[in-house]
Amino acid sequence: MTPSPVIVFMGTPDFSVPCLLALHEAGHALPLVVTQPDRPKGRGRSLAPPPVKMAAEGIGLAVEQPVTVRDEGFIERIRAVAPDFLVVVAFGQILPKALLDIPRRGAVNVHASLLPKYRGPAPIQWAMIRGETETGVTTMLMDIGVDTGDILLQRSTIIGPEDTADSMHTRLSHMGSRLLVETIHGMWQGTLYPRAQPAVGATYAPMLKKDDGRIDWRGQPGKIDIFIRAMTPWPGAFCFLGERRLKVISARPLPGVTHQEAPGTIIPGFPDELRVACEDGAVLITELQGASGKRLRTADFLRGHPIAPGTRLT
């Protein structure tokens, strides 16, 4: 056994970067980093590299960007590296069995939920939307299913009343990096063994679309608050004021507020407030973004765009 395992790392977005850097800092051999191709970005639609590519090149690692991981030439390239592990963190393509079978010690995935809950591409947001007070990260051995492989290690963390999907993303990515290093060490030393996922309790967290961020004011204030935080930063919670789209950055429930208005109606409050009627109470919008694209505190927004009580948000 060599002093350190040989690892091919596969990942793409910001979430993957702490895991890559943690493996590098732990001294593991990383002969190849695989990420998605550069994509058009911004108003100019110029090609931009994925965060993992930038991080890998920043520490001198070789990078490959296959259009598809099912390409036979790419699979042969991985075979030639002869890795002990594939480590896959939010890569963005489904890996074929031919690729999963290459590493001598297995393909290890870091997933941002406490499996078997919230398998799929959007576990952070769906855990929040569904009212979970706890989530976490799981390392697992990959199989051909969607997040169905045997569990290696898990760590949990609370979802706090101020957390957004963005804050949870950051926390879980760093938790995952530490758990990954512990996982690789345990597997390499022969002290960590996989266990099958429980047969019951599995849930799925489907991909979110841009339109999924539309706020339903018929919900209870607490659930609307959680929904807005779960949609931050993407796809972003939004509603319409007439034909104008408003992005709601932050809001909070207003306890003890009663009204007789239809959900979505602006109800009276202080001049610099935006109180919105819900099914059983109200929420206070504290930050929003209009057509200008600039995030504003509600008081600043209302100075330029007053919204009278009785106006309906949809």
Protein backbone atom coordinates (compact mmCIF):
# COMPACT_ATOMS: atom_id res chain seq x y z
CA MET A 1 0.00 0.00 0.00
CA THR A 2 1.36 3.41 -0.97
CA PRO A 3 1.58 6.09 1.71
CA SER A 4 -1.28 8.03 0.15
CA PRO A 5 -4.13 7.02 -2.17
CA VAL A 6 -4.27 8.17 -5.77
CA ILE A 7 -7.49 10.13 -6.33
CA VAL A 8 -9.25 11.42 -9.42
CA PHE A 9 -11.48 14.29 -8.32
CA MET A 10 -14.69 15.13 -10.18
CA GLY A 11 -16.63 18.29 -9.34
CA THR A 12 -17.82 21.54 -10.84
CA PRO A 13 -19.44 24.33 -8.72
CA ASP A 14 -18.38 26.30 -5.65
CA PHE A 15 -19.74 23.55 -3.39
CA SER A 16 -17.04 21.18 -4.68
CA VAL A 17 -14.05 23.44 -4.11
CA PRO A 18 -13.52 22.95 -0.33
CA CYS A 19 -13.44 19.18 -0.87
CA LEU A 20 -10.79 19.47 -3.58
CA LEU A 21 -8.66 21.80 -1.47
CA ALA A 22 -9.03 19.59 1.61
CA LEU A 23 -7.76 16.53 -0.27
CA HIS A 24 -4.83 18.54 -1.60
CA GLU A 25 -3.99 19.90 1.86
CA ALA A 26 -4.17 16.36 3.27
CA GLY A 27 -1.35 15.40 0.92
CA HIS A 28 -3.26 13.00 -1.31
CA ALA A 29 -2.08 12.39 -4.86
CA LEU A 30 -4.42 14.16 -7.30
CA PRO A 31 -3.10 13.42 -10.78
CA LEU A 32 -6.29 14.59 -12.47
CA VAL A 33 -9.25 16.85 -11.76
CA VAL A 34 -12.33 16.44 -13.96
CA THR A 35 -14.90 19.19 -14.33
CA GLN A 36 -17.55 20.39 -16.75
CA PRO A 37 -16.66 22.42 -19.86
CA ASP A 38 -16.45 26.21 -19.69
CA ARG A 39 -19.91 27.78 -20.11
CA PRO A 40 -21.16 31.16 -21.40
CA LYS A 41 -21.81 33.52 -18.52
CA GLY A 42 -22.97 37.08 -17.93
CA ARG A 43 -24.43 39.62 -20.31
CA GLY A 44 -21.56 39.22 -22.75
CA ARG A 45 -22.00 35.42 -22.75
CA SER A 46 -18.25 34.95 -22.74
CA LEU A 47 -16.94 31.53 -21.73
CA ALA A 48 -16.22 31.22 -18.01
CA PRO A 49 -14.40 28.34 -16.29
CA PRO A 50 -16.15 26.39 -13.52
CA PRO A 51 -14.99 27.14 -9.95
CA VAL A 52 -13.31 23.72 -9.64
CA LYS A 53 -11.18 24.37 -12.72
CA MET A 54 -10.03 27.69 -11.31
CA ALA A 55 -9.22 26.15 -7.93
CA ALA A 56 -7.39 23.16 -9.46
CA GLU A 57 -5.25 25.26 -11.77
CA GLY A 58 -4.52 27.59 -8.86
CA ILE A 59 -2.76 24.76 -7.03
CA GLY A 60 -1.11 23.31 -10.13
CA LEU A 61 -3.34 20.32 -10.81
CA ALA A 62 -4.11 18.90 -14.25
CA VAL A 63 -7.67 19.47 -15.42
CA GLU A 64 -9.80 17.65 -17.98
CA GLN A 65 -13.24 18.87 -19.18
CA PRO A 66 -15.05 16.15 -21.12
CA VAL A 67 -18.30 17.02 -22.86
CA THR A 68 -19.58 13.63 -21.71
CA VAL A 69 -18.06 11.16 -19.25
CA ARG A 70 -19.48 8.33 -21.36
CA ASP A 71 -16.89 8.95 -24.06
CA GLU A 72 -14.70 5.86 -24.44
CA GLY A 73 -11.57 7.96 -24.83
CA PHE A 74 -12.25 9.69 -21.52
CA ILE A 75 -12.94 6.40 -19.73
CA GLU A 76 -9.65 5.01 -21.04
CA ARG A 77 -7.89 8.13 -19.77
CA ILE A 78 -9.17 7.43 -16.26
CA ARG A 79 -8.16 3.77 -16.52
CA ALA A 80 -4.65 4.88 -17.44
CA VAL A 81 -4.43 6.97 -14.27
CA ALA A 82 -5.34 3.82 -12.25
CA PRO A 83 -6.87 5.68 -9.28
CA ASP A 84 -7.53 4.15 -5.90
CA PHE A 85 -10.58 6.41 -5.54
CA LEU A 86 -12.86 8.51 -7.63
CA VAL A 87 -14.16 11.37 -5.50
CA VAL A 88 -17.30 12.96 -6.93
CA VAL A 89 -18.75 16.18 -5.49
CA ALA A 90 -21.56 17.90 -7.41
CA PHE A 91 -20.01 17.01 -10.75
CA GLY A 92 -23.17 17.44 -12.81
CA GLN A 93 -23.24 14.32 -14.98
CA ILE A 94 -24.40 10.78 -14.20
CA LEU A 95 -21.42 8.44 -14.15
CA PRO A 96 -21.72 5.16 -16.10
CA LYS A 97 -20.91 1.82 -14.48
CA ALA A 98 -17.80 1.53 -16.67
CA LEU A 99 -16.38 4.57 -14.90
CA LEU A 100 -17.54 3.62 -11.40
CA ASP A 101 -15.81 0.26 -11.75
CA ILE A 102 -12.36 1.74 -12.41
CA PRO A 103 -11.11 2.86 -8.96
CA ARG A 104 -9.63 0.06 -6.88
CA ARG A 105 -11.22 1.22 -3.63
CA GLY A 106 -14.43 2.72 -4.98
CA ALA A 107 -16.13 5.93 -6.08
CA VAL A 108 -16.91 8.17 -3.11
CA ASN A 109 -19.57 10.88 -3.27
CA VAL A 110 -20.27 13.80 -0.93
CA HIS A 111 -23.99 14.59 -0.77
CA ALA A 112 -25.59 17.52 1.08
CA SER A 113 -28.25 15.66 3.04
CA LEU A 114 -28.67 12.95 5.63
CA LEU A 115 -29.37 10.09 3.26
CA PRO A 116 -31.70 8.42 2.47
CA LYS A 117 -33.54 11.74 2.83
CA TYR A 118 -33.33 14.19 -0.06
CA ARG A 119 -31.63 12.19 -2.74
CA GLY A 120 -31.27 14.21 -5.91
CA PRO A 121 -29.92 17.55 -7.17
CA ALA A 122 -31.44 20.10 -4.75
CA PRO A 123 -31.21 18.62 -1.23
CA ILE A 124 -30.46 21.85 0.62
CA GLN A 125 -33.46 23.76 -0.69
CA TRP A 126 -35.94 20.92 -0.30
CA ALA A 127 -34.87 20.15 3.26
CA MET A 128 -35.68 23.77 4.13
CA ILE A 129 -38.92 23.94 2.12
CA ARG A 130 -40.21 20.84 3.85
CA GLY A 131 -39.58 22.30 7.28
CA GLU A 132 -36.60 20.24 8.42
CA THR A 133 -34.78 21.62 11.45
CA GLU A 134 -31.73 19.45 10.81
CA THR A 135 -29.77 18.39 7.76
CA GLY A 136 -26.18 17.41 7.09
CA VAL A 137 -23.73 15.73 4.76
CA THR A 138 -23.21 12.11 3.80
CA THR A 139 -20.28 10.36 2.19
CA MET A 140 -21.26 7.24 0.30
CA LEU A 141 -20.02 4.65 -2.16
CA MET A 142 -21.57 5.38 -5.52
CA ASP A 143 -23.65 2.92 -7.51
CA ILE A 144 -25.69 3.35 -10.69
CA GLY A 145 -28.71 4.74 -8.79
CA VAL A 146 -29.33 8.36 -7.84
CA ASP A 147 -27.74 8.78 -4.39
CA THR A 148 -28.64 5.19 -3.44
CA GLY A 149 -25.16 3.89 -2.59
CA ASP A 150 -23.96 2.55 0.74
CA ILE A 151 -23.36 5.14 3.45
CA LEU A 152 -19.83 5.69 4.75
CA LEU A 153 -20.06 8.63 7.19
CA GLN A 154 -22.61 11.30 8.13
CA ARG A 155 -22.54 14.58 10.05
CA SER A 156 -25.55 16.71 10.97
CA THR A 157 -26.18 20.40 11.59
CA ILE A 158 -29.23 22.45 12.53
CA ILE A 159 -31.12 24.66 10.09
CA GLY A 160 -31.40 27.90 12.04
CA PRO A 161 -34.13 30.55 11.85
CA GLU A 162 -31.82 32.92 9.93
CA ASP A 163 -30.32 30.35 7.58
CA THR A 164 -30.73 30.65 3.84
CA ALA A 165 -29.90 28.07 1.20
CA ASP A 166 -26.76 30.13 0.63
CA SER A 167 -25.58 29.96 4.25
CA MET A 168 -26.40 26.25 4.41
CA HIS A 169 -24.52 25.69 1.14
CA THR A 170 -21.39 27.27 2.60
CA ARG A 171 -21.64 25.42 5.92
CA LEU A 172 -22.32 22.03 4.34
CA SER A 173 -19.56 22.39 1.75
CA HIS A 174 -16.98 22.87 4.50
CA MET A 175 -18.51 20.13 6.65
CA GLY A 176 -18.37 17.87 3.61
CA SER A 177 -14.70 18.62 3.00
CA ARG A 178 -13.75 17.56 6.53
CA LEU A 179 -15.96 14.48 6.34
CA LEU A 180 -14.43 13.51 2.99
CA VAL A 181 -10.88 13.57 4.35
CA GLU A 182 -12.01 11.47 7.31
CA THR A 183 -13.77 9.06 4.95
CA ILE A 184 -10.78 8.56 2.65
CA HIS A 185 -8.49 8.05 5.64
CA GLY A 186 -10.80 5.45 7.18
CA MET A 187 -11.25 3.53 3.94
CA TRP A 188 -7.54 3.63 3.17
CA GLN A 189 -6.65 2.38 6.64
CA GLY A 190 -9.32 -0.33 6.53
CA THR A 191 -11.19 1.02 9.57
CA LEU A 192 -14.33 2.29 7.81
CA TYR A 193 -16.91 0.03 6.25
CA PRO A 194 -19.98 0.95 4.19
CA ARG A 195 -23.51 0.25 5.35
CA ALA A 196 -26.63 0.00 3.23
CA GLN A 197 -29.05 2.91 3.23
CA PRO A 198 -32.22 2.25 5.20
CA ALA A 199 -35.02 0.76 3.14
CA VAL A 200 -37.53 3.27 4.51
CA GLY A 201 -37.51 7.05 4.78
CA ALA A 202 -36.08 7.85 1.37
CA THR A 203 -37.20 11.14 -0.19
CA TYR A 204 -36.26 12.91 -3.41
CA ALA A 205 -35.14 16.52 -3.97
CA PRO A 206 -35.82 17.34 -7.63
CA MET A 207 -34.05 20.00 -9.64
CA LEU A 208 -35.47 23.48 -9.09
CA LYS A 209 -36.56 25.64 -12.01
CA LYS A 210 -36.61 29.42 -12.12
CA ASP A 211 -40.41 29.52 -11.85
CA ASP A 212 -40.33 27.42 -8.66
CA GLY A 213 -39.39 30.56 -6.72
CA ARG A 214 -42.83 32.17 -7.05
CA ILE A 215 -44.28 32.92 -3.61
CA ASP A 216 -47.72 31.57 -2.75
CA TRP A 217 -49.10 34.11 -0.28
CA ARG A 218 -51.80 31.63 0.75
CA GLY A 219 -49.29 29.90 3.02
CA GLN A 220 -48.70 30.54 6.69
CA PRO A 221 -46.19 33.30 7.56
CA GLY A 222 -43.58 30.91 8.96
CA LYS A 223 -43.70 28.70 5.88
CA ILE A 224 -43.43 31.69 3.56
CA ASP A 225 -40.40 32.89 5.51
CA ILE A 226 -38.74 29.48 5.16
CA PHE A 227 -39.62 29.33 1.47
CA ILE A 228 -37.99 32.69 0.78
CA ARG A 229 -34.83 31.65 2.64
CA ALA A 230 -34.77 28.31 0.80
CA MET A 231 -34.94 30.09 -2.56
CA THR A 232 -32.04 32.42 -1.68
CA PRO A 233 -29.91 32.90 -3.72
CA TRP A 234 -31.30 30.64 -6.48
CA PRO A 235 -33.80 30.46 -8.06
CA GLY A 236 -34.81 33.46 -5.95
CA ALA A 237 -38.22 34.06 -4.35
CA PHE A 238 -40.40 36.41 -6.34
CA CYS A 239 -43.89 37.77 -6.87
CA PHE A 240 -45.60 40.22 -9.19
CA LEU A 241 -46.86 43.74 -8.61
CA GLY A 242 -49.13 44.05 -11.60
CA GLU A 243 -46.80 43.09 -14.44
CA ARG A 244 -43.66 44.07 -12.52
CA ARG A 245 -41.62 41.22 -11.12
CA LEU A 246 -40.31 41.76 -7.59
CA LYS A 247 -37.58 39.56 -6.16
CA VAL A 248 -37.97 39.15 -2.40
CA ILE A 249 -34.54 38.88 -0.82
CA SER A 250 -35.61 38.62 2.82
CA ALA A 251 -38.74 38.74 4.95
CA ARG A 252 -39.91 37.71 8.40
CA PRO A 253 -43.22 36.67 9.98
CA LEU A 254 -45.19 39.28 11.89
CA PRO A 255 -46.59 37.60 14.99
CA GLY A 256 -49.95 38.72 16.28
CA VAL A 257 -51.04 40.58 13.14
CA THR A 258 -54.65 39.96 12.15
CA HIS A 259 -56.48 41.15 9.06
CA GLN A 260 -59.42 40.40 6.79
CA GLU A 261 -57.57 40.82 3.50
CA ALA A 262 -56.97 38.31 0.72
CA PRO A 263 -53.51 36.70 0.73
CA GLY A 264 -50.95 38.86 -1.05
CA THR A 265 -52.65 42.16 -0.15
CA ILE A 266 -50.48 44.97 1.25
CA ILE A 267 -51.87 45.84 4.68
CA PRO A 268 -51.32 49.07 6.65
CA GLY A 269 -48.16 49.44 8.70
CA PHE A 270 -45.47 52.05 9.26
CA PRO A 271 -44.69 54.23 6.21
CA ASP A 272 -41.37 52.47 5.55
CA GLU A 273 -42.81 48.95 5.87
CA LEU A 274 -44.23 46.46 3.41
CA ARG A 275 -46.61 44.14 5.24
CA VAL A 276 -48.18 41.36 3.18
CA ALA A 277 -51.30 39.45 4.18
CA CYS A 278 -50.98 35.68 4.32
CA GLU A 279 -53.42 32.87 5.03
CA ASP A 280 -53.08 33.19 8.80
CA GLY A 281 -51.17 36.38 9.59
CA ALA A 282 -48.66 38.50 7.72
CA VAL A 283 -45.03 38.76 6.70
CA LEU A 284 -42.82 41.83 6.58
CA ILE A 285 -40.68 42.16 3.46
CA THR A 286 -37.36 43.62 4.59
CA GLU A 287 -35.29 43.56 1.38
CA LEU A 288 -36.27 43.28 -2.27
CA GLN A 289 -35.12 43.85 -5.81
CA GLY A 290 -37.08 45.44 -8.62
CA ALA A 291 -36.53 45.80 -12.33
CA SER A 292 -33.39 47.92 -11.78
CA GLY A 293 -31.60 44.84 -10.50
CA LYS A 294 -30.38 46.60 -7.36
CA ARG A 295 -31.03 45.05 -3.95
CA LEU A 296 -32.67 47.55 -1.62
CA ARG A 297 -33.94 47.68 1.92
CA THR A 298 -37.70 48.06 1.83
CA ALA A 299 -37.62 51.65 3.12
CA ASP A 300 -35.25 52.65 0.30
CA PHE A 301 -37.31 50.83 -2.31
CA LEU A 302 -40.53 52.47 -1.20
CA ARG A 303 -39.05 55.97 -1.46
CA GLY A 304 -38.77 55.50 -5.20
CA HIS A 305 -41.62 53.04 -5.71
CA PRO A 306 -44.43 53.63 -3.19
CA ILE A 307 -46.91 50.77 -2.79
CA ALA A 308 -50.24 51.69 -1.20
CA PRO A 309 -52.15 49.47 1.25
CA GLY A 310 -54.74 47.45 -0.61
CA THR A 311 -52.37 46.71 -3.48
CA ARG A 312 -52.23 43.00 -4.32
CA LEU A 313 -49.06 41.02 -4.86
CA THR A 314 -49.50 37.84 -6.89
